[in-house]
Protein backbone atom coordinates (compact mmCIF):
# COMPACT_ATOMS: atom_id res chain seq x y z
CA MET A 1 0.46 -2.67 -11.33
CA ARG A 2 -3.07 -1.59 -12.13
CA PHE A 3 -5.70 -0.05 -9.90
CA LEU A 4 -9.11 1.54 -10.38
CA LEU A 5 -9.18 4.90 -8.61
CA PRO A 6 -11.95 7.18 -9.95
CA VAL A 7 -15.04 8.04 -7.91
CA THR A 8 -18.51 7.98 -9.49
CA LEU A 9 -21.45 10.10 -8.36
CA SER A 10 -24.03 7.33 -8.75
CA PHE A 11 -22.38 5.12 -6.17
CA LEU A 12 -21.86 7.98 -3.76
CA LEU A 13 -25.52 8.88 -3.93
CA ALA A 14 -26.43 5.27 -3.30
CA ALA A 15 -24.02 5.14 -0.39
CA SER A 16 -25.52 8.29 1.10
CA LEU A 17 -28.79 6.37 1.41
CA ALA A 18 -26.89 3.52 3.12
CA ALA A 19 -27.91 1.11 0.38
CA GLN A 20 -26.33 -2.27 0.94
CA GLN A 21 -24.95 -3.20 -2.45
CA ALA A 22 -22.84 -6.14 -3.53
CA VAL A 23 -20.29 -5.15 -6.17
CA GLU A 24 -18.21 -7.26 -8.49
CA THR A 25 -14.60 -6.81 -9.52
CA ALA A 26 -14.39 -4.88 -12.77
CA THR A 27 -12.48 -6.42 -15.66
CA PRO A 28 -11.11 -3.59 -17.79
CA PRO A 29 -10.82 -3.97 -21.56
CA ALA A 30 -7.44 -4.14 -23.23
CA ARG A 31 -6.03 -0.84 -24.43
CA THR A 32 -3.76 0.00 -27.30
CA ALA A 33 -0.64 2.07 -26.93
CA GLU A 34 -0.50 5.75 -27.76
CA PRO A 35 2.60 7.82 -28.47
CA SER A 36 4.33 9.17 -25.38
CA ALA A 37 6.93 11.79 -24.68
CA GLU A 38 9.45 12.42 -21.91
CA LEU A 39 8.74 14.65 -18.93
CA SER A 40 11.09 17.61 -19.17
CA THR A 41 12.59 18.53 -15.81
CA GLN A 42 13.87 21.97 -14.85
CA PRO A 43 16.24 22.76 -11.94
CA GLN A 44 14.83 21.75 -8.57
CA PRO A 45 12.47 24.39 -7.17
CA ALA A 46 13.10 26.03 -3.83
CA THR A 47 9.82 25.01 -2.18
CA PRO A 48 7.45 22.02 -2.43
CA SER A 49 4.74 24.17 -3.99
CA ALA A 50 7.03 25.42 -6.76
CA VAL A 51 6.73 23.36 -9.90
CA ASP A 52 8.39 22.81 -13.23
CA SER A 53 6.38 22.81 -16.45
CA GLU A 54 5.36 19.59 -18.19
CA THR A 55 3.06 18.89 -21.10
CA PRO A 56 0.10 16.49 -21.03
CA ALA A 57 1.64 14.65 -23.99
CA ALA A 58 4.04 12.95 -21.58
CA LEU A 59 1.05 11.23 -19.97
CA ALA A 60 -0.29 9.54 -23.09
CA ALA A 61 -1.80 6.11 -22.43
CA GLN A 62 0.41 3.04 -22.43
CA PRO A 63 -0.49 -0.63 -23.08
CA ALA A 64 -2.77 -2.09 -20.46
CA ALA A 65 -1.02 -3.57 -17.45
CA PRO A 66 -1.95 -6.98 -15.97
CA GLU A 67 -5.33 -7.00 -14.30
CA VAL A 68 -5.57 -6.99 -10.52
CA ALA A 69 -8.40 -6.45 -8.08
CA SER A 70 -9.86 -2.95 -8.06
CA THR A 71 -9.09 -0.53 -5.25
CA ASP A 72 -12.05 1.72 -6.01
CA PRO A 73 -14.74 1.38 -3.31
CA LEU A 74 -17.21 2.69 -5.87
CA VAL A 75 -16.44 -0.04 -8.39
CA ALA A 76 -15.24 -3.14 -6.62
CA SER A 77 -13.39 -4.55 -3.65
CA THR A 78 -10.65 -7.09 -3.28
CA ALA A 79 -11.48 -10.76 -2.90
CA GLU A 80 -9.65 -11.02 0.41
CA SER A 81 -11.72 -8.27 2.01
CA GLY A 82 -15.11 -9.14 0.56
CA ASP A 83 -17.63 -6.77 -0.96
CA PHE A 84 -17.54 -3.10 -0.08
CA GLN A 85 -20.53 -2.22 2.06
CA PRO A 86 -21.70 1.41 2.13
CA GLY A 87 -22.15 2.53 5.72
CA SER A 88 -19.30 0.39 7.05
CA LEU A 89 -15.59 1.18 7.27
CA ARG A 90 -12.50 -1.00 6.86
CA GLY A 91 -10.47 1.64 8.63
CA ARG A 92 -11.47 3.32 11.88
CA ILE A 93 -12.33 6.78 13.17
CA GLU A 94 -10.97 7.91 16.53
CA ASN A 95 -10.97 11.43 17.98
CA GLY A 96 -11.89 12.95 14.65
CA ARG A 97 -9.14 11.17 12.71
CA TYR A 98 -9.45 8.49 10.05
CA TYR A 99 -6.99 5.55 10.31
CA ALA A 100 -6.40 3.49 7.18
CA PRO A 101 -6.93 -0.27 7.54
CA THR A 102 -3.35 -0.85 6.37
CA ASP A 103 -2.07 1.55 9.08
CA ALA A 104 -0.16 3.33 6.31
CA PHE A 105 -1.54 6.72 7.33
CA ASP A 106 -4.08 8.64 9.35
CA ILE A 107 -5.55 12.10 8.87
CA ALA A 108 -7.97 14.47 10.55
CA ILE A 109 -11.35 14.18 8.85
CA PRO A 110 -11.96 17.36 6.85
CA MET A 111 -14.93 19.54 7.74
CA LEU A 112 -17.89 18.18 5.79
CA VAL A 113 -21.03 20.27 5.31
CA GLY A 114 -24.46 19.86 3.77
CA ASP A 115 -27.04 17.13 4.20
CA ARG A 116 -24.99 14.15 3.00
CA PRO A 117 -21.49 14.07 4.47
CA LEU A 118 -19.80 10.78 3.70
CA VAL A 119 -16.71 8.84 4.71
CA LEU A 120 -16.28 5.71 2.59
CA ASP A 121 -13.36 3.35 2.30
CA ASN A 122 -12.06 -0.03 1.30
CA PRO A 123 -8.66 -1.57 2.14
CA ASN A 124 -6.80 0.87 -0.11
CA ILE A 125 -8.73 4.13 -0.51
CA VAL A 126 -10.80 6.52 1.58
CA VAL A 127 -13.32 9.03 0.27
CA PHE A 128 -14.36 12.19 2.14
CA ARG A 129 -17.28 13.84 0.42
CA ASP A 130 -20.16 16.22 0.95
CA ASP A 131 -22.68 17.65 -1.50
CA VAL A 132 -21.43 21.25 -1.27
CA ARG A 133 -17.68 21.65 -1.60
CA THR A 134 -15.60 18.62 -0.60
CA MET A 135 -14.55 15.68 -2.75
CA LEU A 136 -11.29 14.24 -1.45
CA THR A 137 -9.85 10.76 -1.94
CA ILE A 138 -6.65 9.33 -0.53
CA ALA A 139 -5.37 6.03 -1.88
CA ALA A 140 -2.45 4.10 -0.42
CA ILE A 141 -1.44 1.27 -2.76
CA ARG A 142 1.08 -1.23 -1.43
CA MET A 143 3.85 -1.84 -3.95
CA GLU A 144 4.83 -5.34 -4.99
CA ALA A 145 8.45 -6.40 -5.41
CA ILE A 146 8.45 -5.59 -9.13
CA ASP A 147 7.10 -2.10 -8.41
CA LYS A 148 9.83 -1.43 -5.85
CA TRP A 149 12.40 -2.63 -8.38
CA ASP A 150 11.00 -0.24 -10.97
CA LEU A 151 11.21 2.62 -8.49
CA GLU A 152 14.79 1.75 -7.51
CA THR A 153 16.03 1.38 -11.09
CA THR A 154 14.32 4.43 -12.61
CA SER A 155 13.84 8.02 -11.49
CA PRO A 156 10.84 8.92 -9.33
CA ARG A 157 9.67 11.03 -12.25
CA GLU A 158 9.61 8.10 -14.67
CA PHE A 159 8.02 5.77 -12.14
CA LEU A 160 5.21 8.20 -11.28
CA ILE A 161 4.47 9.08 -14.90
CA LYS A 162 4.17 5.40 -15.74
CA PHE A 163 1.96 4.77 -12.73
CA PHE A 164 -0.33 7.65 -13.61
CA ARG A 165 -0.62 6.67 -17.27
CA GLU A 166 -1.23 2.97 -16.69
CA SER A 167 -3.36 3.21 -13.59
CA VAL A 168 -5.04 6.49 -12.73
CA LEU A 169 -5.50 7.97 -16.21
CA ALA A 170 -6.47 4.66 -17.79
CA ASP A 171 -9.15 4.08 -15.17
CA TYR A 172 -10.43 7.64 -15.35
CA ARG A 173 -10.88 7.18 -19.11
CA GLU A 174 -12.72 3.93 -18.55
CA SER A 175 -15.13 5.42 -16.02
CA PHE A 176 -15.41 8.85 -17.64
CA PRO A 177 -14.99 8.59 -21.45
CA GLY A 178 -13.37 11.69 -22.86
CA THR A 179 -11.16 12.30 -19.81
CA THR A 180 -8.08 14.36 -20.71
CA VAL A 181 -4.98 15.71 -18.99
CA GLU A 182 -5.08 19.51 -18.90
CA SER A 183 -1.74 20.08 -17.19
CA ALA A 184 0.97 18.18 -15.35
CA ARG A 185 3.83 19.31 -13.14
CA LEU A 186 6.56 17.77 -11.04
CA LEU A 187 7.00 18.88 -7.42
CA ASN A 188 10.68 18.13 -6.99
CA ASN A 189 10.94 18.95 -3.28
CA LEU A 190 7.88 16.99 -2.18
CA GLU A 191 8.51 13.35 -1.20
CA GLY A 192 11.63 13.28 -3.36
CA GLY A 193 9.48 13.99 -6.41
CA ALA A 194 5.69 14.07 -6.65
CA LEU A 195 3.54 14.33 -9.77
CA LEU A 196 0.71 16.86 -9.83
CA VAL A 197 -1.81 16.35 -12.64
CA ALA A 198 -5.00 18.26 -13.47
CA THR A 199 -7.59 16.14 -15.30
CA LEU A 200 -10.87 17.03 -17.03
CA HIS A 201 -13.84 14.64 -16.78
CA PRO A 202 -16.97 15.00 -18.95
CA ASN A 203 -19.94 13.77 -16.90
CA GLY A 204 -17.51 12.93 -14.12
CA SER A 205 -18.42 15.28 -11.28
CA ALA A 206 -19.33 14.21 -7.77
CA PHE A 207 -21.51 17.31 -7.43
CA GLU A 208 -24.88 18.36 -8.80
CA THR A 209 -24.76 20.79 -11.70
CA ASP A 210 -25.80 24.40 -11.23
CA PRO A 211 -29.64 24.39 -11.67
CA ILE A 212 -29.48 27.29 -14.13
CA VAL A 213 -27.24 25.26 -16.42
CA ARG A 214 -29.00 21.97 -15.74
CA ASN A 215 -32.36 23.39 -16.78
CA ASP A 216 -31.08 25.03 -19.96
CA PRO A 217 -30.97 22.51 -22.83
CA ALA A 218 -28.88 24.90 -24.92
CA THR A 219 -26.06 25.02 -22.36
CA PRO A 220 -23.66 22.05 -22.30
CA PRO A 221 -23.02 20.57 -18.86
CA PRO A 222 -19.81 21.68 -17.13
CA VAL A 223 -16.73 19.48 -17.31
CA ALA A 224 -15.42 18.38 -13.91
CA LYS A 225 -11.81 19.16 -13.05
CA ARG A 226 -9.71 17.22 -10.57
CA GLY A 227 -6.26 17.64 -9.17
CA ASN A 228 -4.23 14.48 -8.53
CA LEU A 229 -1.07 14.25 -6.42
CA ILE A 230 0.92 11.03 -6.88
CA PHE A 231 4.02 10.04 -4.91
CA ALA A 232 5.83 7.00 -3.52
CA ARG A 233 6.63 6.71 0.16
CA GLY A 234 7.84 3.62 1.98
CA ASP A 235 6.01 0.56 0.71
CA PHE A 236 3.15 2.52 -0.85
CA VAL A 237 2.19 4.67 -3.81
CA TYR A 238 -0.19 7.41 -2.73
CA VAL A 239 -2.78 9.16 -4.88
CA ILE A 240 -4.54 12.19 -3.39
CA SER A 241 -7.35 13.61 -5.54
CA THR A 242 -9.79 16.48 -5.16
CA GLU A 243 -12.38 18.18 -7.36
CA LEU A 244 -13.14 21.87 -7.95
CA ALA A 245 -16.76 21.94 -6.77
CA ASP A 246 -17.54 25.53 -7.83
CA ARG A 247 -16.74 24.71 -11.45
CA VAL A 248 -19.88 22.51 -11.47
CA THR A 249 -22.15 23.80 -8.72
CA GLU A 250 -21.83 27.46 -9.77
CA SER A 251 -21.08 26.93 -13.46
CA SER A 252 -23.50 29.64 -14.64
CA THR A 253 -21.34 32.34 -13.03
CA TYR A 254 -17.99 30.57 -12.87
CA THR A 255 -15.14 32.61 -14.40
CA THR A 256 -11.95 31.27 -12.77
CA ASP A 257 -9.13 30.91 -15.29
CA ILE A 258 -7.01 27.78 -15.75
CA GLU A 259 -3.91 29.21 -14.06
CA THR A 260 -5.89 30.10 -10.94
CA GLU A 261 -7.62 26.70 -10.93
CA ASP A 262 -4.27 24.95 -11.08
CA ARG A 263 -2.92 27.07 -8.23
CA ILE A 264 -5.97 26.28 -6.10
CA LEU A 265 -5.61 22.55 -6.72
CA ASN A 266 -1.85 22.68 -6.08
CA ASP A 267 -2.34 24.47 -2.75
CA ARG A 268 -5.16 22.16 -1.65
CA LEU A 269 -3.28 18.97 -2.42
CA VAL A 270 -0.02 20.12 -0.84
CA GLU A 271 -1.99 21.15 2.25
CA VAL A 272 -3.71 17.74 2.45
CA HIS A 273 -0.31 16.05 2.14
CA SER A 274 1.02 18.17 5.02
CA LYS A 275 -1.85 17.00 7.23
CA ILE A 276 -1.32 13.27 6.66
CA HIS A 277 0.45 11.39 9.41
CA PHE A 278 2.36 8.55 7.77
CA ALA A 279 3.30 5.33 9.54
CA GLY A 280 6.66 5.68 11.29
CA ASP A 281 6.49 9.47 11.60
CA PRO A 282 6.27 11.24 14.98
CA ALA A 283 2.71 11.48 16.26
CA PRO A 284 0.80 14.64 15.28
CA GLU A 285 0.98 17.40 17.90
CA THR A 286 -2.74 17.13 18.55
CA LEU A 287 -2.24 13.50 19.61
CA ALA A 288 1.09 13.84 21.38
CA ASN A 289 -0.27 15.94 24.26
């Protein structure tokens, strides 16, 4: 199972101008294996937002998985759905909610500000983005029989670590060379086990760099930081990702420490998860009345 999930700024800017682009399926290069370690698990925490410690070493890259069509609307689209077209949606928007084309989930569209609010999607992923503070992606990847077998015969922890290494992290590194894992944690009480990973992306921000830093040749550009929440539910693996905008847009005065950044990302991602209405669940209160 292999999917391209990162979001590039260049495509988003093109999409904001409603440029009609034809994109081709990316063929990733083969990768060599790196050493890996086990994810150490502590006793189950009392709440979904409580986490147990884990080192980035457990997420070292694995051998490349078989190639499949990309799920990244900013890179490619599947053959069965045709090319992704900026300005058009595969899903639908009704009463302020976005409904995925697979009907796997729906969610209220977050408040988007600035001059270029965007909602982009393809059959597997939706992107909510503005040029001020919001960069949110939700991917719902349908599992094949072999993936379900892997999930049933291993622990959720092992399944999610493997998925992140072979899919999300591998594709981040392809799109943003130098990408690293800064921290990783397991949320034991969320979806029976969800993986929360903070990643660093040189030249991988969806936002424009603080002008003070951008205009100073002596100051290196800021490194983007994203939080990624990965979990399996029903027939799908979900990946929810968001970026810390202030780290880039206000980099000249940014002083937030790593622990606080991780807490912010944790809270944001858990909150987004709580707002998703998954297929088969009772209708959200706002729709039930």
